Each structure stands twice: as structure tokens, then as C-alpha cells.
């Protein structure tokens, strides 16, 4: 699938006809052949753009620059707390901008705070949107982490703890991806003359560098906090399980003691002692005594445990 964009009134908007910017989503064999033969995109770079495990990089070709950027995938409840990243291949020519994605995801959507006058502006805006998407996903991860911590505090299951491990794994992916983008952005700055950045572009690029650094710092902070809490949370789950087992043991002992006394003589012996008299009062009295003994034993055990 191909989506075309054009620059209009300081904004980049989708176009029904071919424009200076094109986004190829999961290109077909024919579209891939067009990218390689017509636009002279290196096959390895094209494959890298579709590989989610590819590291971010910056390359200067004969008639264009090639960037492999990392960005977060859209998250849904089906992902079970795992936040993934994907690659985005960006190829900036003198008069056209080509983006290659493995799956459809917004690149130019949302509020356009950056005025777009040329393709260089469009490239910087796309990087700005990617950083904002990372920031948004990090906030969601933090909210999910807080929610899971509250559940772990009272849980005796490993399910919530495993979900926290999954979030920690997601943060590792994010840290690697944001760090890759940081390297690419730095190379953009050092190759500003080749790319054709204006002083305004360079000023915006400095802001993007600062925003990406803040995003990286935030991801590192969340990862450090979550990692530091994992051992404590694992111990807490184990402690909750131990408390439950102690309570069950107390109940078992409380039931076993009256059962022992009742079983020594048996109900038939008790009936013999009564001699058939006052059975209506004798049996309830006996059962009440056994229940009272069980309750007394239970609270005695709990008191000994507390001491």
C-alpha cells in the first residue's frame, strides 16, 4: 500500500495523487522492485526498514540519505503488557521523501506544531512525532506498572509479577530503540550541510535532540525503578503465600484437636454416658464444646505466631 503526501499551507497533508512524500506500507514484490530499480534504494536498506530487530543507522548514498529509525508499535490489550518496537526506513532525496514501513502506523498525524515548508521540515517533523509516541507509550507503561504493583501487594499468584517482568522487557526494547534514534539524530546534525538543513532546521534539530534525551532519561528512570522493585515484589508474593499457608495450618490444627477428643471415645461412648437421657441437650452441648475448643486452639496458634 502506498500513501502520498504533499506540503500545503505549512502543513504536510495526505494527497490522492502522487506527491513529494510517499509512505510504502508492507510493500509488495512489485513495489519493492520499483523502490530498488526506479528510486535506486539499496536492497539491504529496504530489507532493514522491514526488520523490527534492525538497529538504527544513518547512511549517505549517491543521490539520497538513508535512515533506519526505531518507533513504538501500536499497543493493544492482546499484547499482554509487551510493548514492541518497529523499524522505519526513511530515504530523503533532493525532491522527494520515501518512507518504508512493515505495518501501517501514523507518521504525520496529530497536531502539527512544526511548520512544514520543505522535505527537510517533513523529516524533522516525523522524528518529532516518533519521540512523542515514545513518550506517550512510556506514560502508559508507568500507569500499568503502578496498577500491577498494587495487585502484587495483595496477590499470592505469579501472574501479576510475570506481567511486571514483561513491562521490564518492554522498557529494555524502548531503551535500545531510543538510544539508536539518538545516534541517528546526532549524525543528522553532523551531516547538516549534505542534507541541506537551514538555520531554522538546525534550531529545530537542537530541540529534537533535547526532547529525545529527555525521553531516554525517562525510559532509564522507569526501567531502573521497575528493576529495583522486582526482587522486593517477588519476596512479597512469597510472603503472602506463606501467610496463607500459616492460616490454613492453624485451621487444620483447630479442626484436628476437637476431632481427636471426639474420636477417642466416639459418639457411641458419649451416648452410653448419657444413658439415653437428655439427648436433645447433650449432643448440641457436645458439639458446642468441640467448636469452642477448636476456636480457642485457632486463636492460641495465631497468638503464638504473632509472638
Protein backbone atom coordinates (compact mmCIF):
# COMPACT_ATOMS: atom_id res chain seq x y z
CA UNK A 1 0.00 0.00 0.00
CA UNK A 2 1.23 3.48 -0.87
CA UNK A 3 0.08 6.74 0.71
CA UNK A 4 1.08 10.06 -0.81
CA UNK A 5 1.56 13.38 0.97
CA UNK A 6 2.03 16.97 -0.14
CA UNK A 7 3.09 20.16 1.59
CA UNK A 8 0.29 22.69 1.73
CA UNK A 9 -0.07 25.91 3.79
CA UNK A 10 2.83 24.99 6.06
CA UNK A 11 1.47 21.50 6.74
CA UNK A 12 2.03 18.06 5.32
CA UNK A 13 -1.30 16.55 4.27
CA UNK A 14 -2.35 13.34 2.60
CA UNK A 15 -2.90 13.52 -1.15
CA UNK A 16 -4.90 11.35 -3.53
CA UNK A 17 -2.27 11.87 -6.23
CA UNK A 18 1.49 11.28 -6.12
CA UNK A 19 3.26 13.98 -4.12
CA UNK A 20 6.76 14.79 -2.88
CA UNK A 21 6.38 12.38 0.06
CA UNK A 22 5.33 8.73 -0.18
CA UNK A 23 4.82 6.10 2.52
CA UNK A 24 5.10 2.44 1.47
CA UNK A 25 3.38 0.10 3.94
CA UNK A 26 4.42 -3.57 3.67
CA UNK A 27 5.46 -3.09 0.02
CA UNK A 28 4.53 -5.83 -2.40
CA UNK A 29 7.08 -7.50 -4.64
CA UNK A 30 6.24 -5.07 -7.45
CA UNK A 31 6.53 -2.06 -5.13
CA UNK A 32 9.84 -3.32 -3.75
CA UNK A 33 11.14 -3.75 -7.29
CA UNK A 34 10.08 -0.16 -8.04
CA UNK A 35 11.88 1.15 -4.96
CA UNK A 36 15.08 -0.67 -5.91
CA UNK A 37 15.12 -0.13 -9.68
CA UNK A 38 13.40 3.24 -10.08
CA UNK A 39 14.36 5.04 -6.88
CA UNK A 40 17.74 3.27 -6.55
CA UNK A 41 17.23 2.28 -2.91
CA UNK A 42 19.73 -0.29 -1.69
CA UNK A 43 18.04 -3.72 -1.25
CA UNK A 44 19.74 -4.19 2.12
CA UNK A 45 18.40 -0.85 3.37
CA UNK A 46 14.96 -1.76 2.10
CA UNK A 47 15.06 -5.07 3.95
CA UNK A 48 16.33 -3.30 7.08
CA UNK A 49 13.33 -0.97 7.01
CA UNK A 50 11.03 -4.00 7.32
CA UNK A 51 13.06 -5.79 10.00
CA UNK A 52 11.89 -4.94 13.56
CA UNK A 53 15.23 -6.13 15.00
CA UNK A 54 17.38 -3.92 12.78
CA UNK A 55 19.46 -1.33 14.62
CA UNK A 56 19.04 2.35 13.79
CA UNK A 57 21.61 3.84 11.44
CA UNK A 58 22.42 6.68 9.05
CA UNK A 59 23.95 6.25 5.59
CA UNK A 60 24.84 8.67 2.81
CA UNK A 61 24.15 7.34 -0.69
CA UNK A 62 24.94 8.92 -4.07
CA UNK A 63 21.66 10.77 -4.52
CA UNK A 64 19.95 10.42 -1.13
CA UNK A 65 20.43 9.77 2.56
CA UNK A 66 19.08 6.61 4.19
CA UNK A 67 17.89 6.45 7.79
CA UNK A 68 16.69 3.48 9.79
CA UNK A 69 14.68 4.87 12.71
CA UNK A 70 13.01 2.99 15.55
CA UNK A 71 9.48 3.71 16.71
CA UNK A 72 6.94 2.05 19.03
CA UNK A 73 4.25 -0.23 17.64
CA UNK A 74 0.63 0.45 18.48
CA UNK A 75 -0.30 -1.29 21.73
CA UNK A 76 -3.47 -3.27 22.39
CA UNK A 77 -4.70 -5.46 25.25
CA UNK A 78 -3.90 -8.55 23.15
CA UNK A 79 -0.18 -7.78 23.54
CA UNK A 80 -0.34 -8.77 27.24
CA UNK A 81 1.82 -5.93 28.58
CA UNK A 82 4.53 -6.35 25.91
CA UNK A 83 5.35 -3.11 24.10
CA UNK A 84 7.20 -3.69 20.84
CA UNK A 85 9.23 -1.50 18.51
CA UNK A 86 9.45 -1.48 14.73
CA UNK A 87 11.80 -0.05 12.14
CA UNK A 88 11.06 2.77 9.73
CA UNK A 89 13.17 3.30 6.63
CA UNK A 90 13.44 6.95 5.61
CA UNK A 91 15.03 7.91 2.28
CA UNK A 92 15.46 11.63 1.65
CA UNK A 93 16.15 12.68 -1.93
CA UNK A 94 16.58 16.21 -3.21
CA UNK A 95 12.96 16.44 -4.34
CA UNK A 96 11.20 13.50 -2.68
CA UNK A 97 10.87 11.73 0.65
CA UNK A 98 10.17 8.00 0.76
CA UNK A 99 9.24 6.13 3.95
CA UNK A 100 9.02 2.33 4.14
CA UNK A 101 7.12 0.60 6.98
CA UNK A 102 6.32 -3.02 7.78
CA UNK A 103 2.87 -2.12 9.17
CA UNK A 104 0.57 0.87 8.89
CA UNK A 105 1.16 3.45 11.59
CA UNK A 106 0.72 7.23 11.72
CA UNK A 107 3.80 9.28 10.90
CA UNK A 108 2.43 12.72 10.12
CA UNK A 109 -0.86 12.60 12.03
CA UNK A 110 -1.75 14.72 15.04
CA UNK A 111 -1.30 18.38 15.85
CA UNK A 112 1.30 19.92 13.56
CA UNK A 113 3.20 22.23 15.86
CA UNK A 114 6.12 22.36 13.41
CA UNK A 115 5.66 24.43 10.27
CA UNK A 116 6.48 22.34 7.23
CA UNK A 117 7.92 24.24 4.28
CA UNK A 118 10.13 21.60 2.66
CA UNK A 119 11.11 17.95 2.82
CA UNK A 120 13.74 18.61 5.48
CA UNK A 121 10.98 20.02 7.69
CA UNK A 122 8.88 16.92 6.98
CA UNK A 123 11.76 14.67 8.05
CA UNK A 124 12.26 16.55 11.31
CA UNK A 125 8.52 16.57 12.00
CA UNK A 126 8.42 12.80 11.56
CA UNK A 127 11.25 12.34 14.09
CA UNK A 128 9.45 14.71 16.46
CA UNK A 129 6.26 12.60 16.19
CA UNK A 130 8.24 9.41 16.86
CA UNK A 131 9.70 10.90 20.05
CA UNK A 132 6.23 11.96 21.21
CA UNK A 133 4.94 8.44 20.56
CA UNK A 134 7.71 7.01 22.73
CA UNK A 135 6.84 9.49 25.48
CA UNK A 136 3.17 8.52 25.30
CA UNK A 137 3.95 4.81 25.49
CA UNK A 138 6.29 5.38 28.45
CA UNK A 139 3.47 7.08 30.35
CA UNK A 140 1.20 4.10 29.65
CA UNK A 141 3.92 1.70 30.85
CA UNK A 142 4.25 3.70 34.07
CA UNK A 143 0.48 3.61 34.65
CA UNK A 144 0.37 -0.15 34.06
CA UNK A 145 3.34 -0.61 36.39
CA UNK A 146 1.60 1.29 39.20
CA UNK A 147 -1.56 -0.77 38.72
CA UNK A 148 0.37 -4.05 38.77
CA UNK A 149 2.29 -3.05 41.90
CA UNK A 150 -0.98 -2.60 43.80
CA UNK A 151 -2.17 -6.04 42.66
CA UNK A 152 1.14 -7.72 43.53
CA UNK A 153 0.98 -6.31 47.08
CA UNK A 154 -2.06 -8.47 47.87
CA UNK A 155 -1.55 -11.32 45.42
CA UNK A 156 -0.34 -14.86 46.01
CA UNK A 157 -0.15 -15.62 42.27
CA UNK A 158 2.77 -15.12 39.90
CA UNK A 159 0.57 -13.73 37.10
CA UNK A 160 0.93 -10.05 38.02
CA UNK A 161 4.62 -10.49 38.77
CA UNK A 162 5.16 -12.02 35.32
CA UNK A 163 3.35 -9.06 33.78
CA UNK A 164 5.79 -6.75 35.54
CA UNK A 165 8.67 -8.75 34.08
CA UNK A 166 7.10 -8.26 30.64
CA UNK A 167 6.93 -4.49 31.20
CA UNK A 168 10.58 -4.51 32.22
CA UNK A 169 11.40 -6.36 28.99
CA UNK A 170 9.46 -3.71 27.03
CA UNK A 171 11.50 -0.95 28.64
CA UNK A 172 14.70 -2.68 27.55
CA UNK A 173 13.39 -2.63 23.96
CA UNK A 174 12.48 1.03 24.30
CA UNK A 175 15.85 1.99 25.77
CA UNK A 176 17.67 0.32 22.89
CA UNK A 177 15.38 1.93 20.29
CA UNK A 178 15.57 5.44 21.75
CA UNK A 179 19.35 5.15 22.03
CA UNK A 180 19.52 4.10 18.36
CA UNK A 181 17.45 7.13 17.38
CA UNK A 182 19.77 9.33 19.42
CA UNK A 183 22.73 8.14 17.33
CA UNK A 184 20.84 8.77 14.08
CA UNK A 185 19.81 12.28 15.18
CA UNK A 186 23.41 13.09 16.10
CA UNK A 187 24.55 12.03 12.63
CA UNK A 188 21.84 14.21 11.09
CA UNK A 189 23.36 17.17 12.88
CA UNK A 190 26.92 16.35 11.81
CA UNK A 191 25.78 15.95 8.17
CA UNK A 192 23.57 19.04 8.14
CA UNK A 193 25.34 20.57 5.13
CA UNK A 194 24.90 17.43 2.98
CA UNK A 195 21.24 17.21 3.91
CA UNK A 196 20.61 20.88 3.21
CA UNK A 197 19.39 21.94 6.63
CA UNK A 198 18.67 25.64 7.07
CA UNK A 199 19.48 27.56 10.29
CA UNK A 200 15.82 27.10 11.25
CA UNK A 201 16.15 23.34 10.67
CA UNK A 202 19.24 23.22 12.87
CA UNK A 203 17.45 25.12 15.62
CA UNK A 204 14.58 22.64 15.47
CA UNK A 205 17.06 19.76 15.40
CA UNK A 206 18.58 21.03 18.66
CA UNK A 207 15.11 20.96 20.25
CA UNK A 208 14.59 17.43 18.96
CA UNK A 209 17.92 16.33 20.46
CA UNK A 210 16.85 17.72 23.84
CA UNK A 211 13.41 16.06 23.63
CA UNK A 212 14.95 12.71 22.70
CA UNK A 213 17.41 12.99 25.60
CA UNK A 214 14.52 13.65 27.98
CA UNK A 215 12.71 10.62 26.53
CA UNK A 216 15.81 8.47 27.03
CA UNK A 217 16.23 9.70 30.61
CA UNK A 218 12.58 8.96 31.38
CA UNK A 219 12.89 5.42 29.99
CA UNK A 220 16.05 4.85 32.04
CA UNK A 221 14.30 6.11 35.18
CA UNK A 222 11.25 3.87 34.70
CA UNK A 223 13.47 0.88 33.91
CA UNK A 224 15.63 1.47 36.98
CA UNK A 225 12.62 1.82 39.28
CA UNK A 226 10.86 -1.24 37.89
CA UNK A 227 14.02 -3.34 38.00
CA UNK A 228 14.72 -2.30 41.59
CA UNK A 229 11.23 -3.26 42.72
CA UNK A 230 11.13 -6.67 41.07
CA UNK A 231 13.06 -8.52 43.80
CA UNK A 232 11.01 -6.86 46.53
CA UNK A 233 7.76 -7.70 44.77
CA UNK A 234 8.83 -11.33 44.27
CA UNK A 235 9.58 -11.60 48.01
CA UNK A 236 6.21 -10.03 48.77
CA UNK A 237 4.34 -12.63 46.71
CA UNK A 238 6.25 -15.39 48.52
CA UNK A 239 5.45 -13.81 51.89
CA UNK A 240 1.74 -13.56 51.02
CA UNK A 241 1.76 -17.26 50.16
CA UNK A 242 3.48 -18.12 53.45
CA UNK A 243 0.89 -16.15 55.42
CA UNK A 244 -1.92 -18.00 53.66
CA UNK A 245 -0.28 -21.36 54.42
CA UNK A 246 0.05 -20.43 58.11
CA UNK A 247 -3.64 -19.56 58.25
CA UNK A 248 -4.54 -22.87 56.62
CA UNK A 249 -2.31 -24.76 59.07
CA UNK A 250 -3.99 -23.00 62.00
CA UNK A 251 -7.42 -24.00 60.69
CA UNK A 252 -6.32 -27.62 60.15
CA UNK A 253 -4.93 -27.88 63.71
CA UNK A 254 -8.02 -26.20 65.16
CA UNK A 255 -10.21 -28.80 63.46
CA UNK A 256 -7.90 -31.69 64.31
CA UNK A 257 -7.84 -31.13 68.10
CA UNK A 258 -11.63 -31.47 68.68
CA UNK A 259 -11.71 -34.34 66.19
CA UNK A 260 -9.10 -36.13 68.28
CA UNK A 261 -11.08 -35.88 71.52
CA UNK A 262 -14.29 -36.82 69.73
CA UNK A 263 -12.62 -39.82 68.16
CA UNK A 264 -11.00 -41.16 71.38
CA UNK A 265 -14.25 -42.35 72.85
CA UNK A 266 -16.53 -41.97 69.86
CA UNK A 267 -20.10 -40.72 69.70
CA UNK A 268 -21.40 -44.14 70.81
CA UNK A 269 -19.50 -43.85 74.12
CA UNK A 270 -20.98 -40.42 74.67
CA UNK A 271 -24.45 -41.85 74.09
CA UNK A 272 -23.72 -44.59 76.64
CA UNK A 273 -22.69 -42.00 79.24
CA UNK A 274 -25.94 -40.14 78.72
CA UNK A 275 -27.81 -43.38 79.07
CA UNK A 276 -30.36 -42.28 76.53
CA UNK A 277 -31.35 -39.29 78.65
CA UNK A 278 -31.23 -35.66 77.63
CA UNK A 279 -30.04 -36.45 74.11
CA UNK A 280 -31.69 -33.28 72.83
CA UNK A 281 -29.37 -31.22 75.05
CA UNK A 282 -26.35 -33.49 75.26
CA UNK A 283 -25.37 -33.60 71.61
CA UNK A 284 -25.67 -29.83 70.98
CA UNK A 285 -23.69 -29.28 74.18
CA UNK A 286 -21.01 -31.69 72.98
CA UNK A 287 -20.83 -30.10 69.52
CA UNK A 288 -20.69 -26.63 71.07
CA UNK A 289 -17.84 -27.70 73.34
CA UNK A 290 -15.90 -29.10 70.39
CA UNK A 291 -16.48 -25.91 68.35
CA UNK A 292 -15.40 -23.77 71.30
CA UNK A 293 -12.27 -25.87 71.74
CA UNK A 294 -11.45 -25.53 68.04
CA UNK A 295 -11.86 -21.75 68.10
CA UNK A 296 -9.74 -21.49 71.24
CA UNK A 297 -6.98 -23.57 69.65
CA UNK A 298 -7.09 -21.43 66.48
CA UNK A 299 -6.65 -18.15 68.34
CA UNK A 300 -3.96 -19.69 70.54
CA UNK A 301 -1.97 -20.67 67.44
CA UNK A 302 -2.42 -17.20 65.88
CA UNK A 303 -1.22 -15.58 69.11
CA UNK A 304 1.86 -17.80 69.23
CA UNK A 305 2.60 -16.93 65.56
CA UNK A 306 2.35 -13.19 66.26
CA UNK A 307 4.70 -13.50 69.22
